[in-house]
N, C-alpha and C. Protein backbone atom coordinates (compact mmCIF):
# COMPACT_ATOMS: atom_id res chain seq x y z
N UNK A 1 78.61 80.45 154.66
CA UNK A 1 78.42 80.12 153.44
C UNK A 1 76.79 80.35 153.07
N UNK A 2 76.55 81.11 152.09
CA UNK A 2 75.12 81.53 151.82
C UNK A 2 74.45 80.03 151.38
N UNK A 3 73.18 79.89 151.43
CA UNK A 3 72.25 78.50 150.97
C UNK A 3 72.53 78.42 149.38
N UNK A 4 72.54 79.63 148.82
CA UNK A 4 72.95 79.44 147.37
C UNK A 4 74.33 78.84 147.04
N UNK A 5 75.06 79.01 147.79
CA UNK A 5 76.45 78.39 147.57
C UNK A 5 76.72 77.10 147.88
N UNK A 6 75.88 76.72 149.11
CA UNK A 6 75.80 75.33 149.56
C UNK A 6 75.01 74.55 148.64
N UNK A 7 74.05 75.02 148.01
CA UNK A 7 73.08 74.09 147.07
C UNK A 7 73.66 73.96 145.77
N UNK A 8 74.77 74.69 145.25
CA UNK A 8 75.36 74.32 143.93
C UNK A 8 75.94 73.04 143.81
N UNK A 9 76.93 72.55 144.80
CA UNK A 9 77.52 71.30 144.90
C UNK A 9 76.50 70.26 144.88
N UNK A 10 75.52 70.44 145.60
CA UNK A 10 74.33 69.51 145.99
C UNK A 10 73.63 69.36 144.64
N UNK A 11 73.42 70.54 143.80
CA UNK A 11 72.43 70.26 142.57
C UNK A 11 73.34 69.71 141.60
N UNK A 12 74.63 69.79 141.72
CA UNK A 12 75.52 69.10 140.71
C UNK A 12 75.72 67.82 140.99
N UNK A 13 75.49 67.22 142.50
CA UNK A 13 75.71 65.74 142.61
C UNK A 13 74.20 65.29 142.30
N UNK A 14 73.21 65.78 142.42
CA UNK A 14 71.77 65.49 141.95
C UNK A 14 71.80 64.98 140.47
N UNK A 15 72.51 65.77 139.43
CA UNK A 15 72.70 65.64 138.37
C UNK A 15 73.43 64.42 138.16
N UNK A 16 74.56 64.72 138.61
CA UNK A 16 75.72 63.42 138.39
C UNK A 16 75.07 62.12 138.69
N UNK A 17 74.35 61.86 139.69
CA UNK A 17 73.41 60.79 140.29
C UNK A 17 72.28 60.20 139.10
N UNK A 18 71.89 61.25 138.50
CA UNK A 18 71.33 60.97 137.21
C UNK A 18 71.76 60.73 135.89
N UNK A 19 72.97 60.45 136.12
CA UNK A 19 74.12 60.38 134.78
C UNK A 19 74.40 61.51 134.03
N UNK A 20 74.42 62.67 134.86
CA UNK A 20 74.94 63.76 134.52
C UNK A 20 73.80 64.59 133.32
N UNK A 21 72.47 64.11 133.29
CA UNK A 21 71.95 64.90 132.54
C UNK A 21 70.40 64.89 133.09
N UNK A 22 69.45 65.96 133.12
CA UNK A 22 68.54 66.15 133.78
C UNK A 22 67.22 66.95 133.05
N UNK A 23 66.22 66.75 133.28
CA UNK A 23 65.09 67.39 132.99
C UNK A 23 64.77 68.54 133.79
N UNK A 24 64.23 69.96 133.22
CA UNK A 24 63.74 70.98 134.06
C UNK A 24 62.78 70.20 135.32
N UNK A 25 61.97 69.39 134.87
CA UNK A 25 60.81 68.71 135.62
C UNK A 25 61.39 67.90 136.77
N UNK A 26 62.32 66.88 136.26
CA UNK A 26 63.34 66.37 137.28
C UNK A 26 63.88 67.20 138.29
N UNK A 27 64.54 68.11 137.63
CA UNK A 27 65.21 69.21 138.71
C UNK A 27 64.32 69.76 139.76
N UNK A 28 63.21 70.22 139.18
CA UNK A 28 62.05 71.01 140.34
C UNK A 28 61.87 70.02 141.29
N UNK A 29 61.61 68.68 140.78
CA UNK A 29 60.93 67.78 141.74
C UNK A 29 62.06 67.23 142.93
N UNK A 30 63.46 67.53 142.51
CA UNK A 30 64.39 67.37 143.43
C UNK A 30 64.81 68.32 144.33
N UNK A 31 64.49 69.42 143.94
CA UNK A 31 64.58 70.89 144.81
C UNK A 31 65.57 71.78 144.30
N UNK A 32 65.86 71.46 142.69
CA UNK A 32 66.87 72.57 142.30
C UNK A 32 65.80 73.37 141.46
N UNK A 33 65.98 74.77 141.65
CA UNK A 33 65.16 75.43 141.08
C UNK A 33 65.57 76.10 139.80
N UNK A 34 64.49 76.60 139.24
CA UNK A 34 64.74 77.10 137.68
C UNK A 34 65.85 78.38 137.93
N UNK A 35 66.00 79.05 139.02
CA UNK A 35 67.25 80.07 138.93
C UNK A 35 68.52 79.29 139.08
N UNK A 36 68.53 78.28 139.74
CA UNK A 36 69.75 77.38 140.15
C UNK A 36 70.25 77.00 138.55
N UNK A 37 69.11 76.27 138.02
CA UNK A 37 69.70 75.97 136.67
C UNK A 37 70.26 76.76 135.97
N UNK A 38 69.58 78.05 135.69
CA UNK A 38 70.09 79.12 134.81
C UNK A 38 71.29 79.44 135.15
N UNK A 39 71.53 79.54 136.33
CA UNK A 39 72.70 80.05 136.93
C UNK A 39 73.94 79.19 136.56
N UNK A 40 73.68 77.97 136.98
CA UNK A 40 74.64 76.76 136.49
C UNK A 40 74.88 76.73 135.13
N UNK A 41 73.84 77.09 134.15
CA UNK A 41 74.06 77.25 132.93
C UNK A 41 74.96 78.28 132.43
N UNK A 42 74.72 79.62 132.95
CA UNK A 42 75.51 80.91 132.77
C UNK A 42 76.67 80.56 133.17
N UNK A 43 77.00 79.88 134.12
CA UNK A 43 78.54 79.76 134.72
C UNK A 43 79.37 78.47 134.03
N UNK A 44 78.60 77.69 133.22
CA UNK A 44 79.38 76.89 132.30
C UNK A 44 79.28 75.27 133.05
N UNK A 45 78.52 75.27 134.13
CA UNK A 45 78.51 74.19 134.84
C UNK A 45 77.63 73.04 134.25
N UNK A 46 76.72 73.58 133.60
CA UNK A 46 75.71 72.61 132.55
C UNK A 46 75.64 73.41 131.08
N UNK A 47 75.11 72.73 130.40
CA UNK A 47 74.76 73.02 128.89
C UNK A 47 73.34 72.68 128.62
N UNK A 48 72.80 73.45 127.81
CA UNK A 48 71.28 73.20 127.14
C UNK A 48 71.32 72.16 126.31
N UNK A 49 70.86 71.13 126.13
CA UNK A 49 70.82 70.15 124.95
C UNK A 49 69.58 70.27 124.09
N UNK A 50 68.60 70.30 124.81
CA UNK A 50 67.48 70.58 124.18
C UNK A 50 66.46 71.33 125.38
N UNK A 51 65.40 72.14 124.83
CA UNK A 51 64.36 72.72 125.76
C UNK A 51 64.27 71.97 126.71
N UNK A 52 64.30 72.60 128.01
CA UNK A 52 64.34 71.85 128.97
C UNK A 52 64.90 70.66 129.42
N UNK A 53 66.01 70.56 128.80
CA UNK A 53 66.82 69.46 129.07
C UNK A 53 68.71 69.89 129.20
N UNK A 54 69.15 69.54 130.47
CA UNK A 54 70.51 69.92 130.54
C UNK A 54 71.44 68.84 130.84
N UNK A 55 72.89 69.15 130.79
CA UNK A 55 73.55 68.18 130.66
C UNK A 55 75.05 68.74 131.29
N UNK A 56 75.74 67.81 132.18
CA UNK A 56 76.92 68.34 132.89
C UNK A 56 77.75 68.75 131.61
N UNK A 57 78.64 69.80 131.77
CA UNK A 57 79.66 70.10 130.98
C UNK A 57 80.93 69.42 131.14
N UNK A 58 80.93 68.82 132.17
CA UNK A 58 82.29 67.74 132.57
C UNK A 58 82.25 66.48 131.85
N UNK A 59 80.79 65.98 131.47
CA UNK A 59 80.75 65.00 130.54
C UNK A 59 81.65 65.01 128.99
N UNK A 60 81.84 64.01 128.61
CA UNK A 60 82.43 63.86 127.26
C UNK A 60 81.41 64.43 126.21
N UNK A 61 82.02 64.93 125.02
CA UNK A 61 81.17 65.65 124.21
C UNK A 61 80.05 64.71 123.48
N UNK A 62 78.93 65.10 123.26
CA UNK A 62 77.97 64.16 122.43
C UNK A 62 78.58 63.56 121.45
N UNK A 63 78.31 62.28 121.19
CA UNK A 63 78.58 61.42 120.10
C UNK A 63 77.76 61.70 118.87
N UNK A 64 76.67 62.33 118.76
CA UNK A 64 75.79 62.67 117.93
C UNK A 64 75.01 63.88 118.42
N UNK A 65 75.48 65.35 118.41
CA UNK A 65 74.96 66.30 118.76
C UNK A 65 73.69 66.88 118.00
N UNK A 66 73.26 66.19 116.68
CA UNK A 66 72.11 66.22 116.24
C UNK A 66 70.76 65.29 116.58
N UNK A 67 71.32 64.00 116.70
CA UNK A 67 70.40 63.08 116.75
C UNK A 67 70.02 63.16 118.43
N UNK A 68 70.64 63.42 119.19
CA UNK A 68 70.28 63.64 120.74
C UNK A 68 69.33 64.60 120.85
N UNK A 69 69.55 65.85 120.60
CA UNK A 69 68.45 66.66 120.86
C UNK A 69 67.11 66.52 120.03
N UNK A 70 67.23 66.11 118.89
CA UNK A 70 66.15 65.73 118.04
C UNK A 70 65.14 64.74 118.82
N UNK A 71 66.10 63.78 119.48
CA UNK A 71 65.17 62.71 119.92
C UNK A 71 64.46 63.14 121.50
N UNK A 72 65.37 64.03 121.93
CA UNK A 72 64.71 64.62 123.22
C UNK A 72 63.54 65.24 122.68
N UNK A 73 63.61 66.02 122.01
CA UNK A 73 62.56 66.97 121.62
C UNK A 73 61.30 66.39 120.82
N UNK A 74 61.71 65.31 120.39
CA UNK A 74 60.42 64.57 119.70
C UNK A 74 60.66 63.07 119.94
N UNK A 75 60.12 62.66 121.21
CA UNK A 75 60.50 61.35 121.44
C UNK A 75 59.56 60.05 120.72
N UNK A 76 58.55 60.81 120.30
CA UNK A 76 57.66 59.85 119.53
C UNK A 76 58.11 59.54 117.91
N UNK A 77 58.86 60.44 117.51
CA UNK A 77 59.09 60.30 116.08
C UNK A 77 60.39 59.19 116.12
N UNK A 78 60.61 59.10 114.77
CA UNK A 78 61.71 57.68 114.24
C UNK A 78 62.61 58.45 113.40
N UNK A 79 63.71 58.19 113.65
CA UNK A 79 64.85 58.68 112.64
C UNK A 79 64.85 57.84 111.53
N UNK A 80 65.06 58.59 110.23
CA UNK A 80 64.49 57.84 108.94
C UNK A 80 65.53 58.40 107.73
N UNK A 81 65.49 57.60 106.71
CA UNK A 81 66.02 57.78 105.42
C UNK A 81 67.49 57.91 105.80
N UNK A 82 68.03 59.18 105.26
CA UNK A 82 69.51 59.45 105.27
C UNK A 82 70.09 59.47 106.44
N UNK A 83 69.19 60.17 107.39
CA UNK A 83 69.97 60.25 108.65
C UNK A 83 69.89 58.63 109.23
N UNK A 84 69.18 57.74 108.86
CA UNK A 84 69.15 56.49 109.62
C UNK A 84 70.40 55.66 108.65
N UNK A 85 70.60 56.02 107.44
CA UNK A 85 71.56 55.40 106.61
C UNK A 85 72.82 55.73 107.25
N UNK A 86 73.09 57.09 107.34
CA UNK A 86 74.31 57.52 108.18
C UNK A 86 74.40 56.94 109.52
N UNK A 87 73.33 56.76 110.44
CA UNK A 87 73.53 55.92 111.70
C UNK A 87 74.28 54.66 111.42
N UNK A 88 73.47 53.98 110.53
CA UNK A 88 73.97 52.50 110.27
C UNK A 88 75.19 52.36 109.12
N UNK A 89 75.92 53.47 108.99
CA UNK A 89 76.88 53.40 108.08
C UNK A 89 76.71 52.91 106.66
N UNK A 90 75.75 53.33 106.17
CA UNK A 90 75.29 52.71 104.84
C UNK A 90 75.19 53.94 104.02
N UNK A 91 75.85 55.14 104.17
CA UNK A 91 76.19 56.02 103.24
C UNK A 91 77.24 56.94 103.48
N UNK A 92 77.92 57.38 102.29
CA UNK A 92 78.86 58.38 102.49
C UNK A 92 78.52 59.79 102.38
N UNK A 93 77.19 59.94 102.64
CA UNK A 93 76.39 61.36 102.62
C UNK A 93 76.34 61.82 103.79
N UNK A 94 76.90 62.88 104.22
CA UNK A 94 76.80 63.81 105.52
C UNK A 94 75.34 64.34 105.54
N UNK A 95 74.46 64.08 106.51
CA UNK A 95 73.03 64.64 106.17
C UNK A 95 73.13 65.88 106.65
N UNK A 96 72.46 66.93 105.98
CA UNK A 96 72.24 68.16 106.38
C UNK A 96 71.12 68.65 106.98
N UNK A 97 70.34 67.63 107.08
CA UNK A 97 68.93 67.82 108.09
C UNK A 97 68.78 66.43 108.79
N UNK A 98 68.30 66.34 109.82
CA UNK A 98 68.08 65.18 110.47
C UNK A 98 66.57 64.73 110.11
N UNK A 99 66.32 63.73 109.24
CA UNK A 99 65.13 63.00 108.67
C UNK A 99 64.40 62.59 109.83
N UNK A 100 63.21 62.67 109.84
CA UNK A 100 62.29 62.09 111.13
C UNK A 100 61.10 61.49 110.53
N UNK A 101 60.63 60.41 110.72
CA UNK A 101 59.26 59.87 110.29
C UNK A 101 58.29 59.91 111.45
N UNK A 102 57.19 60.51 111.13
CA UNK A 102 55.93 60.73 112.19
C UNK A 102 54.71 59.96 111.59
N UNK A 103 53.89 59.94 112.47
CA UNK A 103 52.73 59.09 111.92
C UNK A 103 51.75 59.99 111.16
N UNK A 104 51.00 59.27 110.33
CA UNK A 104 50.28 59.73 109.28
C UNK A 104 49.70 61.22 109.73
N UNK A 105 48.91 60.74 110.94
CA UNK A 105 47.97 61.92 111.20
C UNK A 105 48.68 62.90 112.52
N UNK A 106 49.98 62.73 112.46
CA UNK A 106 50.77 63.47 113.61
C UNK A 106 51.10 65.10 113.03
N UNK A 107 51.19 65.91 114.10
CA UNK A 107 51.47 67.14 113.67
C UNK A 107 53.08 66.99 113.27
N UNK A 108 53.38 67.92 112.25
CA UNK A 108 54.73 68.02 111.57
C UNK A 108 55.64 68.76 112.60
N UNK A 109 56.60 68.11 113.11
CA UNK A 109 57.47 68.64 113.95
C UNK A 109 58.49 69.89 113.37
N UNK A 110 58.76 70.90 114.29
CA UNK A 110 59.37 71.84 113.69
C UNK A 110 60.77 72.39 114.57
N UNK A 111 61.73 72.60 114.17
CA UNK A 111 62.76 72.75 115.14
C UNK A 111 63.79 73.85 114.26
N UNK A 112 64.17 74.96 115.13
CA UNK A 112 65.11 76.03 114.54
C UNK A 112 66.56 75.31 114.15
N UNK A 113 67.29 74.44 114.99
CA UNK A 113 68.20 73.88 115.21
C UNK A 113 68.32 72.77 116.20
N UNK A 114 69.07 71.39 115.74
CA UNK A 114 69.46 71.52 114.26
C UNK A 114 68.22 71.18 113.23
N UNK A 115 68.52 71.56 111.96
CA UNK A 115 67.31 71.50 111.00
C UNK A 115 66.74 70.01 110.71
N UNK A 116 65.55 69.83 110.71
CA UNK A 116 64.81 68.72 110.47
C UNK A 116 63.91 68.63 109.30
N UNK A 117 63.54 67.51 108.92
CA UNK A 117 62.96 67.22 107.74
C UNK A 117 61.94 66.13 107.88
N UNK A 118 60.73 66.34 108.20
CA UNK A 118 59.62 65.23 108.64
C UNK A 118 58.82 64.77 107.33
N UNK A 119 58.64 63.56 107.40
CA UNK A 119 57.99 62.67 106.43
C UNK A 119 56.89 62.03 107.41
N UNK A 120 55.62 62.07 106.70
CA UNK A 120 54.31 61.48 107.19
C UNK A 120 54.48 59.95 106.77
N UNK A 121 54.44 58.91 107.59
CA UNK A 121 54.43 57.29 107.10
C UNK A 121 52.82 56.81 107.60
N UNK A 122 52.41 55.91 106.65
CA UNK A 122 51.26 55.21 107.01
C UNK A 122 51.45 54.38 108.36
N UNK A 123 50.39 54.01 108.80
CA UNK A 123 50.43 53.54 110.03
C UNK A 123 51.15 51.96 110.23
N UNK A 124 51.01 51.45 109.06
CA UNK A 124 51.90 50.08 109.23
C UNK A 124 53.14 50.52 108.79
N UNK A 125 53.52 51.23 108.02
CA UNK A 125 55.07 51.69 107.63
C UNK A 125 55.55 52.35 108.76
N UNK A 126 54.78 53.08 109.65
CA UNK A 126 55.68 53.77 110.71
C UNK A 126 55.97 52.68 111.86
N UNK A 127 55.08 51.80 112.04
CA UNK A 127 55.33 50.64 113.10
C UNK A 127 56.16 49.78 112.92
N UNK A 128 56.53 49.56 111.70
CA UNK A 128 57.56 48.55 111.13
C UNK A 128 59.05 48.86 111.39
N UNK A 129 59.85 48.04 111.90
CA UNK A 129 61.26 48.04 112.01
C UNK A 129 62.00 48.95 112.80
N UNK A 130 61.44 49.43 113.93
CA UNK A 130 61.80 50.62 114.76
C UNK A 130 62.56 49.64 115.62
N UNK A 131 63.94 50.23 115.86
CA UNK A 131 65.13 49.97 116.84
C UNK A 131 65.18 50.90 117.86
N UNK A 132 65.38 50.71 119.28
CA UNK A 132 65.82 51.76 120.26
C UNK A 132 67.09 51.27 120.39
N UNK A 133 67.87 52.74 120.24
CA UNK A 133 69.31 52.63 120.90
C UNK A 133 69.36 53.63 121.89
N UNK A 134 70.65 53.57 122.83
CA UNK A 134 70.91 54.18 124.00
C UNK A 134 72.03 55.21 123.42
N UNK A 135 71.86 56.62 123.12
CA UNK A 135 73.04 57.35 122.66
C UNK A 135 73.20 58.29 123.63
N UNK A 136 74.39 58.58 124.31
CA UNK A 136 74.72 59.47 125.42
C UNK A 136 73.99 59.35 126.33
N UNK A 137 73.06 58.21 126.74
CA UNK A 137 72.05 58.23 127.73
C UNK A 137 70.71 58.59 127.42
N UNK A 138 70.52 58.70 126.29
CA UNK A 138 69.49 59.34 125.68
C UNK A 138 68.76 58.19 124.74
N UNK A 139 67.35 57.79 124.78
CA UNK A 139 66.99 56.73 123.80
C UNK A 139 66.57 57.64 122.59
N UNK A 140 66.96 56.70 121.28
CA UNK A 140 66.66 57.22 120.21
C UNK A 140 66.18 56.15 119.25
N UNK A 141 64.92 56.59 118.74
CA UNK A 141 64.14 55.55 117.97
C UNK A 141 64.64 55.74 116.59
N UNK A 142 64.93 54.78 115.84
CA UNK A 142 65.53 54.65 114.34
C UNK A 142 65.15 53.14 113.78
N UNK A 143 64.79 53.50 112.56
CA UNK A 143 64.56 52.15 111.68
C UNK A 143 65.79 51.40 111.33
N UNK A 144 65.52 49.75 111.62
CA UNK A 144 66.64 49.15 111.19
C UNK A 144 67.23 49.25 109.69
N UNK A 145 68.36 48.62 109.63
CA UNK A 145 68.97 49.11 108.18
C UNK A 145 68.00 48.39 106.94
N UNK A 146 67.31 47.34 107.20
CA UNK A 146 66.24 46.84 105.97
C UNK A 146 65.30 47.69 106.01
N UNK A 147 64.69 48.08 107.01
CA UNK A 147 63.58 49.04 106.84
C UNK A 147 64.01 50.45 106.36
N UNK A 148 64.89 50.91 106.58
CA UNK A 148 65.60 51.94 106.36
C UNK A 148 65.64 51.82 104.67
N UNK A 149 66.34 50.79 104.21
CA UNK A 149 66.47 50.89 102.51
C UNK A 149 65.09 50.83 101.92
N UNK A 150 64.15 50.12 102.29
CA UNK A 150 63.01 49.70 102.03
C UNK A 150 62.25 51.28 101.77
N UNK A 151 62.42 52.15 102.99
CA UNK A 151 61.75 53.37 102.71
C UNK A 151 62.62 54.31 101.87
N UNK A 152 63.92 54.15 101.58
CA UNK A 152 64.58 54.87 100.81
C UNK A 152 63.91 54.80 99.38
N UNK A 153 63.61 53.42 98.98
CA UNK A 153 63.00 53.02 97.58
C UNK A 153 61.44 54.05 97.60
N UNK A 154 60.67 54.00 98.67
CA UNK A 154 59.59 54.53 98.94
C UNK A 154 59.65 56.21 98.45
N UNK A 155 60.91 56.85 98.93
CA UNK A 155 60.93 58.15 98.70
C UNK A 155 62.10 58.57 97.87
N UNK A 156 62.26 57.52 96.93
CA UNK A 156 63.66 57.62 95.76
C UNK A 156 63.45 59.05 95.13
N UNK A 157 62.11 59.36 94.69
CA UNK A 157 62.07 60.74 93.96
C UNK A 157 62.66 61.86 94.75
N UNK A 158 62.61 61.80 96.14
CA UNK A 158 63.02 62.78 96.85
C UNK A 158 64.64 62.70 97.28
N UNK A 159 65.09 61.32 97.28
CA UNK A 159 66.41 61.02 97.56
C UNK A 159 67.14 61.09 96.60
N UNK A 160 66.89 60.61 95.48
CA UNK A 160 67.72 60.10 94.18
C UNK A 160 68.08 58.65 94.44
N UNK A 161 68.44 58.32 93.21
CA UNK A 161 68.60 56.83 93.17
C UNK A 161 70.35 56.70 93.55
N UNK A 162 71.19 57.65 93.45
CA UNK A 162 72.72 57.53 93.54
C UNK A 162 72.74 57.01 95.02
N UNK A 163 72.01 57.64 95.91
CA UNK A 163 72.08 57.54 97.40
C UNK A 163 71.59 56.23 97.60
N UNK A 164 70.53 55.54 96.96
CA UNK A 164 70.07 54.18 97.31
C UNK A 164 70.99 53.38 96.47
N UNK A 165 71.42 53.38 95.51
CA UNK A 165 72.40 52.15 94.98
C UNK A 165 73.62 52.32 95.81
N UNK A 166 74.34 53.42 96.26
CA UNK A 166 75.39 53.28 97.03
C UNK A 166 75.16 52.71 98.42
N UNK A 167 73.71 52.83 98.87
CA UNK A 167 73.49 52.26 100.14
C UNK A 167 73.57 50.86 100.12
N UNK A 168 72.84 50.18 99.09
CA UNK A 168 72.60 48.78 98.86
C UNK A 168 73.79 48.07 98.57
N UNK A 169 74.66 48.66 98.09
CA UNK A 169 76.42 48.30 97.86
C UNK A 169 77.05 48.25 99.41
N UNK A 170 76.87 49.27 100.04
CA UNK A 170 77.36 49.15 101.47
C UNK A 170 76.94 48.18 102.30
N UNK A 171 75.25 47.96 102.11
CA UNK A 171 74.86 47.07 102.93
C UNK A 171 75.36 45.53 102.72
N UNK A 172 75.34 45.16 101.25
CA UNK A 172 76.09 44.04 101.07
C UNK A 172 77.51 43.87 101.35
N UNK A 173 78.18 44.83 101.85
CA UNK A 173 79.71 44.36 101.92
C UNK A 173 79.95 44.68 103.61
N UNK A 174 78.93 45.52 104.35
CA UNK A 174 78.93 45.59 105.56
C UNK A 174 78.39 44.86 106.52
N UNK A 175 77.04 44.29 106.04
CA UNK A 175 76.34 43.61 107.23
C UNK A 175 75.47 42.40 106.50
N UNK A 176 75.33 41.48 107.34
CA UNK A 176 74.68 40.14 106.87
C UNK A 176 73.29 40.49 106.25
N UNK A 177 73.11 39.75 105.06
CA UNK A 177 72.04 40.17 104.38
C UNK A 177 70.58 39.53 104.82
N UNK A 178 69.73 40.34 105.21
CA UNK A 178 68.64 39.67 105.54
C UNK A 178 67.61 40.22 104.49
N UNK A 179 67.47 39.43 103.25
CA UNK A 179 66.66 39.81 102.12
C UNK A 179 65.28 39.59 102.65
N UNK A 180 64.65 38.59 103.42
CA UNK A 180 63.51 38.49 103.81
C UNK A 180 62.81 39.45 104.39
N UNK A 181 63.49 40.08 105.35
CA UNK A 181 63.06 41.21 106.06
C UNK A 181 62.98 42.40 105.16
N UNK A 182 63.81 42.55 104.23
CA UNK A 182 63.85 43.60 103.26
C UNK A 182 62.75 43.49 102.39
N UNK A 183 62.53 42.39 101.85
CA UNK A 183 61.17 42.18 101.12
C UNK A 183 60.15 42.50 101.78
N UNK A 184 59.92 41.82 103.12
CA UNK A 184 58.57 42.12 103.85
C UNK A 184 58.53 43.72 104.04
N UNK A 185 59.59 44.22 104.43
CA UNK A 185 59.36 45.96 104.60
C UNK A 185 59.06 46.49 103.01
N UNK A 186 59.63 45.83 101.93
CA UNK A 186 59.31 46.60 100.67
C UNK A 186 57.77 46.30 100.44
N UNK A 187 57.34 45.24 100.97
CA UNK A 187 55.71 44.94 100.61
C UNK A 187 55.17 46.08 101.63
N UNK A 188 55.34 46.10 102.84
CA UNK A 188 54.80 47.39 103.62
C UNK A 188 54.75 48.61 102.95
N UNK A 189 55.79 48.84 102.29
CA UNK A 189 56.18 50.06 101.80
C UNK A 189 55.48 50.42 100.45
N UNK A 190 55.16 49.08 99.91
CA UNK A 190 54.42 49.20 98.56
C UNK A 190 55.67 49.37 97.26
N UNK A 191 56.91 48.86 97.66
CA UNK A 191 57.58 49.01 96.63
C UNK A 191 58.36 47.61 96.28
N UNK A 192 57.63 46.51 96.41
CA UNK A 192 58.27 45.34 96.39
C UNK A 192 58.76 45.20 94.69
N UNK A 193 57.80 45.35 93.86
CA UNK A 193 58.23 45.27 92.37
C UNK A 193 59.28 46.30 92.20
N UNK A 194 59.33 47.31 92.76
CA UNK A 194 60.59 48.29 92.34
C UNK A 194 61.99 47.93 92.76
N UNK A 195 61.73 47.08 94.01
CA UNK A 195 63.23 46.77 94.63
C UNK A 195 63.59 45.62 94.25
N UNK A 196 63.00 44.59 93.83
CA UNK A 196 63.14 43.29 93.55
C UNK A 196 64.27 43.24 92.65
N UNK A 197 64.37 43.69 91.47
CA UNK A 197 65.57 43.47 90.77
C UNK A 197 66.84 44.23 91.16
N UNK A 198 66.78 44.98 92.02
CA UNK A 198 67.88 45.57 92.76
C UNK A 198 68.50 44.47 93.77
N UNK A 199 67.74 43.71 94.62
CA UNK A 199 67.89 42.98 95.42
C UNK A 199 68.66 41.58 94.63
N UNK A 200 68.40 41.38 93.65
CA UNK A 200 68.81 40.09 92.77
C UNK A 200 70.38 40.50 92.32
N UNK A 201 70.57 41.70 92.38
CA UNK A 201 71.90 41.90 92.46
C UNK A 201 72.90 41.70 93.46
N UNK A 202 72.27 41.64 94.77
CA UNK A 202 73.10 41.43 96.00
C UNK A 202 73.29 40.07 96.18
N UNK A 203 72.68 38.99 95.40
CA UNK A 203 72.79 37.56 95.74
C UNK A 203 74.02 37.27 94.89
């Protein structure tokens, strides 16, 4: 048996030991060559999730095939606005793009697929209300529900009030109300006066 034939099950076992997913740099450091990775990809053993990141095809399908590759590609960005509403089940809208928050002085991320829409956030707003979740073995950063609602008011002219009003009603019916947190985020986003009358309807 050739060395190449011997290495394939070894490479697969290495990837399995890492949870079924591996970065190119991790593969190289563990003795798996680029050629072996590409061959495994071409033979349908692994699939490319994002540039330089691979996953065994034997694993269950990704629960969110948009958020996972975007989070891998842009680990310092934060899922926001309608994408965050959808993650928290606070909208009936199906996002057509992945909404990403980046720091005010950060480079705007670009990606052919899945399509993304980036928004620059102030330093205080970008740092507030971030949650980290494990999604299919990948860490994703996303704003919590209350911060997301405040952000939606901040960008209301781009989103439309229909989406925001629906999200408030779903928030009221599906989650414990954290109005103090919501008001605090509204102050950070400078929409406290705008949001207060709408919050009164939740009481």
